[in-house]
Amino acid sequence: MNLVRSPAESVVLATSSTFDNSRYEQACDQAIAMCDGNLRSTIKALIMANEYLEVELQELQAAIAAGCAPSLEQAAAPHD
């Protein structure tokens, strides 16, 4: 699955009035601090976290495809 934003989505995000860069700056500072200031360790930890989330997403998509979990459409449908 491709998790990269399209150029159009990126432009909308970057030009949005609600875009708050300080949130990302704070998150970066926190991640670096958690790795004792070691930038290589910080990048490695973020890559590992991203890979974990990608596997979780694939497992959830497989469960939905197999009918073991409700799809987003089913969850959003009004209940009678």
PDB file of N, CA and C in Angstrom:
ATOM      1  N   MET A   1       0.832  -1.177   0.000  1.00  0.00           N
ATOM      2  CA  MET A   1       0.000   0.000   0.000  1.00  0.00           C
ATOM      3  C   MET A   1       0.870   1.230   0.000  1.00  0.00           C
ATOM      4  N   ASN A   2       0.541   2.192  -0.817  1.00  0.00           N
ATOM      5  CA  ASN A   2       1.305   3.420  -0.925  1.00  0.00           C
ATOM      6  C   ASN A   2       0.767   4.440   0.062  1.00  0.00           C
ATOM      7  N   LEU A   3       1.569   4.838   1.051  1.00  0.00           N
ATOM      8  CA  LEU A   3       1.144   5.794   2.050  1.00  0.00           C
ATOM      9  C   LEU A   3       1.633   7.203   1.742  1.00  0.00           C
ATOM     10  N   VAL A   4       2.212   7.406   0.576  1.00  0.00           N
ATOM     11  CA  VAL A   4       2.727   8.713   0.189  1.00  0.00           C
ATOM     12  C   VAL A   4       1.578   9.555  -0.333  1.00  0.00           C
ATOM     13  N   ARG A   5       1.532  10.816   0.078  1.00  0.00           N
ATOM     14  CA  ARG A   5       0.492  11.729  -0.377  1.00  0.00           C
ATOM     15  C   ARG A   5       0.731  12.116  -1.826  1.00  0.00           C
ATOM     16  N   SER A   6      -0.357  12.346  -2.526  1.00  0.00           N
ATOM     17  CA  SER A   6      -0.241  12.855  -3.883  1.00  0.00           C
ATOM     18  C   SER A   6       0.231  14.300  -3.808  1.00  0.00           C
ATOM     19  N   PRO A   7       0.812  14.824  -4.898  1.00  0.00           N
ATOM     20  CA  PRO A   7       1.240  16.227  -4.880  1.00  0.00           C
ATOM     21  C   PRO A   7       0.100  17.178  -4.535  1.00  0.00           C
ATOM     22  N   ALA A   8      -1.093  16.899  -5.029  1.00  0.00           N
ATOM     23  CA  ALA A   8      -2.229  17.768  -4.734  1.00  0.00           C
ATOM     24  C   ALA A   8      -2.561  17.753  -3.244  1.00  0.00           C
ATOM     25  N   GLU A   9      -2.542  16.566  -2.630  1.00  0.00           N
ATOM     26  CA  GLU A   9      -2.818  16.472  -1.203  1.00  0.00           C
ATOM     27  C   GLU A   9      -1.752  17.199  -0.393  1.00  0.00           C
ATOM     28  N   SER A  10      -0.507  17.098  -0.814  1.00  0.00           N
ATOM     29  CA  SER A  10       0.583  17.764  -0.109  1.00  0.00           C
ATOM     30  C   SER A  10       0.444  19.275  -0.181  1.00  0.00           C
ATOM     31  N   VAL A  11       0.049  19.778  -1.342  1.00  0.00           N
ATOM     32  CA  VAL A  11      -0.121  21.222  -1.500  1.00  0.00           C
ATOM     33  C   VAL A  11      -1.246  21.708  -0.600  1.00  0.00           C
ATOM     34  N   VAL A  12      -2.346  20.981  -0.571  1.00  0.00           N
ATOM     35  CA  VAL A  12      -3.471  21.372   0.280  1.00  0.00           C
ATOM     36  C   VAL A  12      -3.043  21.370   1.736  1.00  0.00           C
ATOM     37  N   LEU A  13      -2.322  20.339   2.155  1.00  0.00           N
ATOM     38  CA  LEU A  13      -1.859  20.253   3.527  1.00  0.00           C
ATOM     39  C   LEU A  13      -0.908  21.397   3.854  1.00  0.00           C
ATOM     40  N   ALA A  14       0.042  21.669   2.979  1.00  0.00           N
ATOM     41  CA  ALA A  14       1.050  22.693   3.235  1.00  0.00           C
ATOM     42  C   ALA A  14       0.465  24.091   3.235  1.00  0.00           C
ATOM     43  N   THR A  15      -0.608  24.324   2.473  1.00  0.00           N
ATOM     44  CA  THR A  15      -1.171  25.663   2.390  1.00  0.00           C
ATOM     45  C   THR A  15      -2.379  25.845   3.297  1.00  0.00           C
ATOM     46  N   SER A  16      -2.756  24.814   4.008  1.00  0.00           N
ATOM     47  CA  SER A  16      -3.904  24.889   4.895  1.00  0.00           C
ATOM     48  C   SER A  16      -3.653  25.886   6.015  1.00  0.00           C
ATOM     49  N   SER A  17      -4.685  26.663   6.346  1.00  0.00           N
ATOM     50  CA  SER A  17      -4.535  27.634   7.422  1.00  0.00           C
ATOM     51  C   SER A  17      -4.420  26.947   8.775  1.00  0.00           C
ATOM     52  N   THR A  18      -4.815  25.672   8.849  1.00  0.00           N
ATOM     53  CA  THR A  18      -4.731  24.955  10.114  1.00  0.00           C
ATOM     54  C   THR A  18      -3.398  24.222  10.282  1.00  0.00           C
ATOM     55  N   PHE A  19      -2.514  24.318   9.290  1.00  0.00           N
ATOM     56  CA  PHE A  19      -1.220  23.643   9.363  1.00  0.00           C
ATOM     57  C   PHE A  19      -0.398  24.258  10.485  1.00  0.00           C
ATOM     58  N   ASP A  20       0.066  23.434  11.402  1.00  0.00           N
ATOM     59  CA  ASP A  20       0.813  23.912  12.566  1.00  0.00           C
ATOM     60  C   ASP A  20       2.169  23.225  12.599  1.00  0.00           C
ATOM     61  N   ASN A  21       3.178  23.897  12.059  1.00  0.00           N
ATOM     62  CA  ASN A  21       4.521  23.326  11.997  1.00  0.00           C
ATOM     63  C   ASN A  21       5.113  23.118  13.390  1.00  0.00           C
ATOM     64  N   SER A  22       4.723  23.938  14.367  1.00  0.00           N
ATOM     65  CA  SER A  22       5.305  23.809  15.702  1.00  0.00           C
ATOM     66  C   SER A  22       4.977  22.450  16.313  1.00  0.00           C
ATOM     67  N   ARG A  23       3.843  21.867  15.940  1.00  0.00           N
ATOM     68  CA  ARG A  23       3.479  20.538  16.427  1.00  0.00           C
ATOM     69  C   ARG A  23       4.525  19.509  15.999  1.00  0.00           C
ATOM     70  N   TYR A  24       4.969  19.613  14.751  1.00  0.00           N
ATOM     71  CA  TYR A  24       5.973  18.680  14.235  1.00  0.00           C
ATOM     72  C   TYR A  24       7.350  18.962  14.825  1.00  0.00           C
ATOM     73  N   GLU A  25       7.645  20.225  15.031  1.00  0.00           N
ATOM     74  CA  GLU A  25       8.923  20.581  15.670  1.00  0.00           C
ATOM     75  C   GLU A  25       8.989  19.993  17.074  1.00  0.00           C
ATOM     76  N   GLN A  26       7.902  20.109  17.819  1.00  0.00           N
ATOM     77  CA  GLN A  26       7.852  19.557  19.173  1.00  0.00           C
ATOM     78  C   GLN A  26       7.968  18.041  19.149  1.00  0.00           C
ATOM     79  N   ALA A  27       7.304  17.406  18.188  1.00  0.00           N
ATOM     80  CA  ALA A  27       7.375  15.949  18.080  1.00  0.00           C
ATOM     81  C   ALA A  27       8.796  15.500  17.754  1.00  0.00           C
ATOM     82  N   CYS A  28       9.469  16.245  16.873  1.00  0.00           N
ATOM     83  CA  CYS A  28      10.867  15.929  16.538  1.00  0.00           C
ATOM     84  C   CYS A  28      11.750  16.059  17.763  1.00  0.00           C
ATOM     85  N   ASP A  29      11.595  17.160  18.485  1.00  0.00           N
ATOM     86  CA  ASP A  29      12.393  17.386  19.688  1.00  0.00           C
ATOM     87  C   ASP A  29      12.173  16.271  20.707  1.00  0.00           C
ATOM     88  N   GLN A  30      10.909  15.851  20.856  1.00  0.00           N
ATOM     89  CA  GLN A  30      10.594  14.791  21.807  1.00  0.00           C
ATOM     90  C   GLN A  30      11.213  13.458  21.373  1.00  0.00           C
ATOM     91  N   ALA A  31      11.108  13.137  20.086  1.00  0.00           N
ATOM     92  CA  ALA A  31      11.684  11.880  19.588  1.00  0.00           C
ATOM     93  C   ALA A  31      13.194  11.859  19.775  1.00  0.00           C
ATOM     94  N   ILE A  32      13.848  12.963  19.473  1.00  0.00           N
ATOM     95  CA  ILE A  32      15.305  13.053  19.635  1.00  0.00           C
ATOM     96  C   ILE A  32      15.681  12.923  21.104  1.00  0.00           C
ATOM     97  N   ALA A  33      14.923  13.579  21.970  1.00  0.00           N
ATOM     98  CA  ALA A  33      15.206  13.500  23.405  1.00  0.00           C
ATOM     99  C   ALA A  33      15.045  12.068  23.921  1.00  0.00           C
ATOM    100  N   MET A  34      14.041  11.360  23.397  1.00  0.00           N
ATOM    101  CA  MET A  34      13.822   9.977  23.827  1.00  0.00           C
ATOM    102  C   MET A  34      14.974   9.073  23.423  1.00  0.00           C
ATOM    103  N   CYS A  35      15.738   9.495  22.413  1.00  0.00           N
ATOM    104  CA  CYS A  35      16.893   8.719  21.955  1.00  0.00           C
ATOM    105  C   CYS A  35      18.193   9.373  22.413  1.00  0.00           C
ATOM    106  N   ASP A  36      18.128  10.101  23.503  1.00  0.00           N
ATOM    107  CA  ASP A  36      19.303  10.737  24.120  1.00  0.00           C
ATOM    108  C   ASP A  36      20.083  11.612  23.150  1.00  0.00           C
ATOM    109  N   GLY A  37      19.387  12.262  22.220  1.00  0.00           N
ATOM    110  CA  GLY A  37      20.032  13.176  21.289  1.00  0.00           C
ATOM    111  C   GLY A  37      20.705  12.508  20.106  1.00  0.00           C
ATOM    112  N   ASN A  38      20.634  11.199  20.013  1.00  0.00           N
ATOM    113  CA  ASN A  38      21.285  10.473  18.926  1.00  0.00           C
ATOM    114  C   ASN A  38      20.349  10.452  17.715  1.00  0.00           C
ATOM    115  N   LEU A  39      20.708  11.219  16.686  1.00  0.00           N
ATOM    116  CA  LEU A  39      19.841  11.351  15.521  1.00  0.00           C
ATOM    117  C   LEU A  39      19.690  10.043  14.759  1.00  0.00           C
ATOM    118  N   ARG A  40      20.759   9.266  14.659  1.00  0.00           N
ATOM    119  CA  ARG A  40      20.671   7.984  13.953  1.00  0.00           C
ATOM    120  C   ARG A  40      19.711   7.037  14.671  1.00  0.00           C
ATOM    121  N   SER A  41      19.785   6.996  15.998  1.00  0.00           N
ATOM    122  CA  SER A  41      18.868   6.160  16.769  1.00  0.00           C
ATOM    123  C   SER A  41      17.433   6.641  16.626  1.00  0.00           C
ATOM    124  N   THR A  42      17.249   7.955  16.561  1.00  0.00           N
ATOM    125  CA  THR A  42      15.915   8.522  16.396  1.00  0.00           C
ATOM    126  C   THR A  42      15.319   8.097  15.063  1.00  0.00           C
ATOM    127  N   ILE A  43      16.095   8.218  13.996  1.00  0.00           N
ATOM    128  CA  ILE A  43      15.614   7.826  12.667  1.00  0.00           C
ATOM    129  C   ILE A  43      15.303   6.337  12.642  1.00  0.00           C
ATOM    130  N   LYS A  44      16.176   5.539  13.222  1.00  0.00           N
ATOM    131  CA  LYS A  44      15.960   4.091  13.263  1.00  0.00           C
ATOM    132  C   LYS A  44      14.671   3.763  14.004  1.00  0.00           C
ATOM    133  N   ALA A  45      14.436   4.405  15.147  1.00  0.00           N
ATOM    134  CA  ALA A  45      13.220   4.153  15.925  1.00  0.00           C
ATOM    135  C   ALA A  45      11.979   4.544  15.135  1.00  0.00           C
ATOM    136  N   LEU A  46      12.029   5.651  14.423  1.00  0.00           N
ATOM    137  CA  LEU A  46      10.881   6.088  13.635  1.00  0.00           C
ATOM    138  C   LEU A  46      10.610   5.144  12.466  1.00  0.00           C
ATOM    139  N   ILE A  47      11.661   4.650  11.834  1.00  0.00           N
ATOM    140  CA  ILE A  47      11.489   3.680  10.742  1.00  0.00           C
ATOM    141  C   ILE A  47      10.860   2.400  11.284  1.00  0.00           C
ATOM    142  N   MET A  48      11.341   1.942  12.436  1.00  0.00           N
ATOM    143  CA  MET A  48      10.802   0.727  13.034  1.00  0.00           C
ATOM    144  C   MET A  48       9.326   0.914  13.407  1.00  0.00           C
ATOM    145  N   ALA A  49       8.992   2.064  13.969  1.00  0.00           N
ATOM    146  CA  ALA A  49       7.599   2.341  14.325  1.00  0.00           C
ATOM    147  C   ALA A  49       6.724   2.378  13.084  1.00  0.00           C
ATOM    148  N   ASN A  50       7.219   2.980  12.023  1.00  0.00           N
ATOM    149  CA  ASN A  50       6.464   3.056  10.779  1.00  0.00           C
ATOM    150  C   ASN A  50       6.236   1.658  10.210  1.00  0.00           C
ATOM    151  N   GLU A  51       7.262   0.816  10.213  1.00  0.00           N
ATOM    152  CA  GLU A  51       7.118  -0.550   9.712  1.00  0.00           C
ATOM    153  C   GLU A  51       6.092  -1.323  10.531  1.00  0.00           C
ATOM    154  N   TYR A  52       6.112  -1.137  11.849  1.00  0.00           N
ATOM    155  CA  TYR A  52       5.145  -1.804  12.711  1.00  0.00           C
ATOM    156  C   TYR A  52       3.726  -1.375  12.334  1.00  0.00           C
ATOM    157  N   LEU A  53       3.516  -0.075  12.146  1.00  0.00           N
ATOM    158  CA  LEU A  53       2.191   0.429  11.791  1.00  0.00           C
ATOM    159  C   LEU A  53       1.746  -0.065  10.422  1.00  0.00           C
ATOM    160  N   GLU A  54       2.679  -0.188   9.487  1.00  0.00           N
ATOM    161  CA  GLU A  54       2.346  -0.715   8.157  1.00  0.00           C
ATOM    162  C   GLU A  54       1.877  -2.167   8.253  1.00  0.00           C
ATOM    163  N   VAL A  55       2.535  -2.968   9.094  1.00  0.00           N
ATOM    164  CA  VAL A  55       2.130  -4.365   9.285  1.00  0.00           C
ATOM    165  C   VAL A  55       0.744  -4.413   9.934  1.00  0.00           C
ATOM    166  N   GLU A  56       0.513  -3.579  10.941  1.00  0.00           N
ATOM    167  CA  GLU A  56      -0.796  -3.526  11.586  1.00  0.00           C
ATOM    168  C   GLU A  56      -1.889  -3.173  10.576  1.00  0.00           C
ATOM    169  N   LEU A  57      -1.612  -2.204   9.723  1.00  0.00           N
ATOM    170  CA  LEU A  57      -2.578  -1.792   8.706  1.00  0.00           C
ATOM    171  C   LEU A  57      -2.869  -2.941   7.749  1.00  0.00           C
ATOM    172  N   GLN A  58      -1.829  -3.642   7.309  1.00  0.00           N
ATOM    173  CA  GLN A  58      -2.024  -4.779   6.405  1.00  0.00           C
ATOM    174  C   GLN A  58      -2.855  -5.871   7.067  1.00  0.00           C
ATOM    175  N   GLU A  59      -2.615  -6.127   8.344  1.00  0.00           N
ATOM    176  CA  GLU A  59      -3.381  -7.146   9.058  1.00  0.00           C
ATOM    177  C   GLU A  59      -4.848  -6.739   9.188  1.00  0.00           C
ATOM    178  N   LEU A  60      -5.099  -5.477   9.464  1.00  0.00           N
ATOM    179  CA  LEU A  60      -6.477  -5.005   9.562  1.00  0.00           C
ATOM    180  C   LEU A  60      -7.183  -5.067   8.212  1.00  0.00           C
ATOM    181  N   GLN A  61      -6.470  -4.697   7.150  1.00  0.00           N
ATOM    182  CA  GLN A  61      -7.060  -4.770   5.813  1.00  0.00           C
ATOM    183  C   GLN A  61      -7.368  -6.213   5.438  1.00  0.00           C
ATOM    184  N   ALA A  62      -6.499  -7.143   5.802  1.00  0.00           N
ATOM    185  CA  ALA A  62      -6.739  -8.557   5.521  1.00  0.00           C
ATOM    186  C   ALA A  62      -7.948  -9.061   6.317  1.00  0.00           C
ATOM    187  N   ALA A  63      -8.066  -8.619   7.557  1.00  0.00           N
ATOM    188  CA  ALA A  63      -9.206  -9.034   8.377  1.00  0.00           C
ATOM    189  C   ALA A  63     -10.508  -8.502   7.794  1.00  0.00           C
ATOM    190  N   ILE A  64     -10.499  -7.277   7.334  1.00  0.00           N
ATOM    191  CA  ILE A  64     -11.695  -6.703   6.713  1.00  0.00           C
ATOM    192  C   ILE A  64     -12.038  -7.461   5.441  1.00  0.00           C
ATOM    193  N   ALA A  65     -11.043  -7.748   4.619  1.00  0.00           N
ATOM    194  CA  ALA A  65     -11.272  -8.473   3.369  1.00  0.00           C
ATOM    195  C   ALA A  65     -11.823  -9.875   3.632  1.00  0.00           C
ATOM    196  N   ALA A  66     -11.412 -10.482   4.730  1.00  0.00           N
ATOM    197  CA  ALA A  66     -11.878 -11.828   5.072  1.00  0.00           C
ATOM    198  C   ALA A  66     -13.215 -11.806   5.805  1.00  0.00           C
ATOM    199  N   GLY A  67     -13.718 -10.607   6.084  1.00  0.00           N
ATOM    200  CA  GLY A  67     -14.995 -10.489   6.777  1.00  0.00           C
ATOM    201  C   GLY A  67     -14.905 -10.658   8.273  1.00  0.00           C
ATOM    202  N   CYS A  68     -13.704 -10.596   8.819  1.00  0.00           N
ATOM    203  CA  CYS A  68     -13.507 -10.774  10.259  1.00  0.00           C
ATOM    204  C   CYS A  68     -13.639  -9.478  11.046  1.00  0.00           C
ATOM    205  N   ALA A  69     -13.703  -8.368  10.343  1.00  0.00           N
ATOM    206  CA  ALA A  69     -13.836  -7.066  10.996  1.00  0.00           C
ATOM    207  C   ALA A  69     -14.717  -6.195  10.118  1.00  0.00           C
ATOM    208  N   PRO A  70     -15.487  -5.304  10.730  1.00  0.00           N
ATOM    209  CA  PRO A  70     -16.347  -4.445   9.908  1.00  0.00           C
ATOM    210  C   PRO A  70     -15.517  -3.463   9.089  1.00  0.00           C
ATOM    211  N   SER A  71     -15.958  -3.232   7.873  1.00  0.00           N
ATOM    212  CA  SER A  71     -15.287  -2.233   7.045  1.00  0.00           C
ATOM    213  C   SER A  71     -15.694  -0.847   7.517  1.00  0.00           C
ATOM    214  N   LEU A  72     -15.028   0.181   7.034  1.00  0.00           N
ATOM    215  CA  LEU A  72     -15.387   1.545   7.404  1.00  0.00           C
ATOM    216  C   LEU A  72     -16.815   1.861   6.983  1.00  0.00           C
ATOM    217  N   GLU A  73     -17.239   1.356   5.820  1.00  0.00           N
ATOM    218  CA  GLU A  73     -18.594   1.601   5.344  1.00  0.00           C
ATOM    219  C   GLU A  73     -19.614   0.958   6.277  1.00  0.00           C
ATOM    220  N   GLN A  74     -19.325  -0.260   6.745  1.00  0.00           N
ATOM    221  CA  GLN A  74     -20.239  -0.942   7.651  1.00  0.00           C
ATOM    222  C   GLN A  74     -20.313  -0.232   8.999  1.00  0.00           C
ATOM    223  N   ALA A  75     -19.182   0.235   9.476  1.00  0.00           N
ATOM    224  CA  ALA A  75     -19.136   0.910  10.774  1.00  0.00           C
ATOM    225  C   ALA A  75     -19.870   2.240  10.710  1.00  0.00           C
ATOM    226  N   ALA A  76     -19.846   2.915   9.555  1.00  0.00           N
ATOM    227  CA  ALA A  76     -20.469   4.224   9.418  1.00  0.00           C
ATOM    228  C   ALA A  76     -21.963   4.134   9.122  1.00  0.00           C
ATOM    229  N   ALA A  77     -22.432   2.955   8.709  1.00  0.00           N
ATOM    230  CA  ALA A  77     -23.852   2.797   8.348  1.00  0.00           C
ATOM    231  C   ALA A  77     -24.716   2.896   9.595  1.00  0.00           C
ATOM    232  N   PRO A  78     -25.868   3.575   9.466  1.00  0.00           N
ATOM    233  CA  PRO A  78     -26.779   3.674  10.638  1.00  0.00           C
ATOM    234  C   PRO A  78     -27.356   2.308  10.984  1.00  0.00           C
ATOM    235  N   HIS A  79     -27.476   2.057  12.257  1.00  0.00           N
ATOM    236  CA  HIS A  79     -28.020   0.784  12.736  1.00  0.00           C
ATOM    237  C   HIS A  79     -29.527   0.894  12.877  1.00  0.00           C
ATOM    238  N   ASP A  80     -30.242  -0.145  12.470  1.00  0.00           N
ATOM    239  CA  ASP A  80     -31.717  -0.149  12.597  1.00  0.00           C
ATOM    240  C   ASP A  80     -32.131  -0.787  13.893  1.00  0.00           C
TER     241      ASP A  80
END
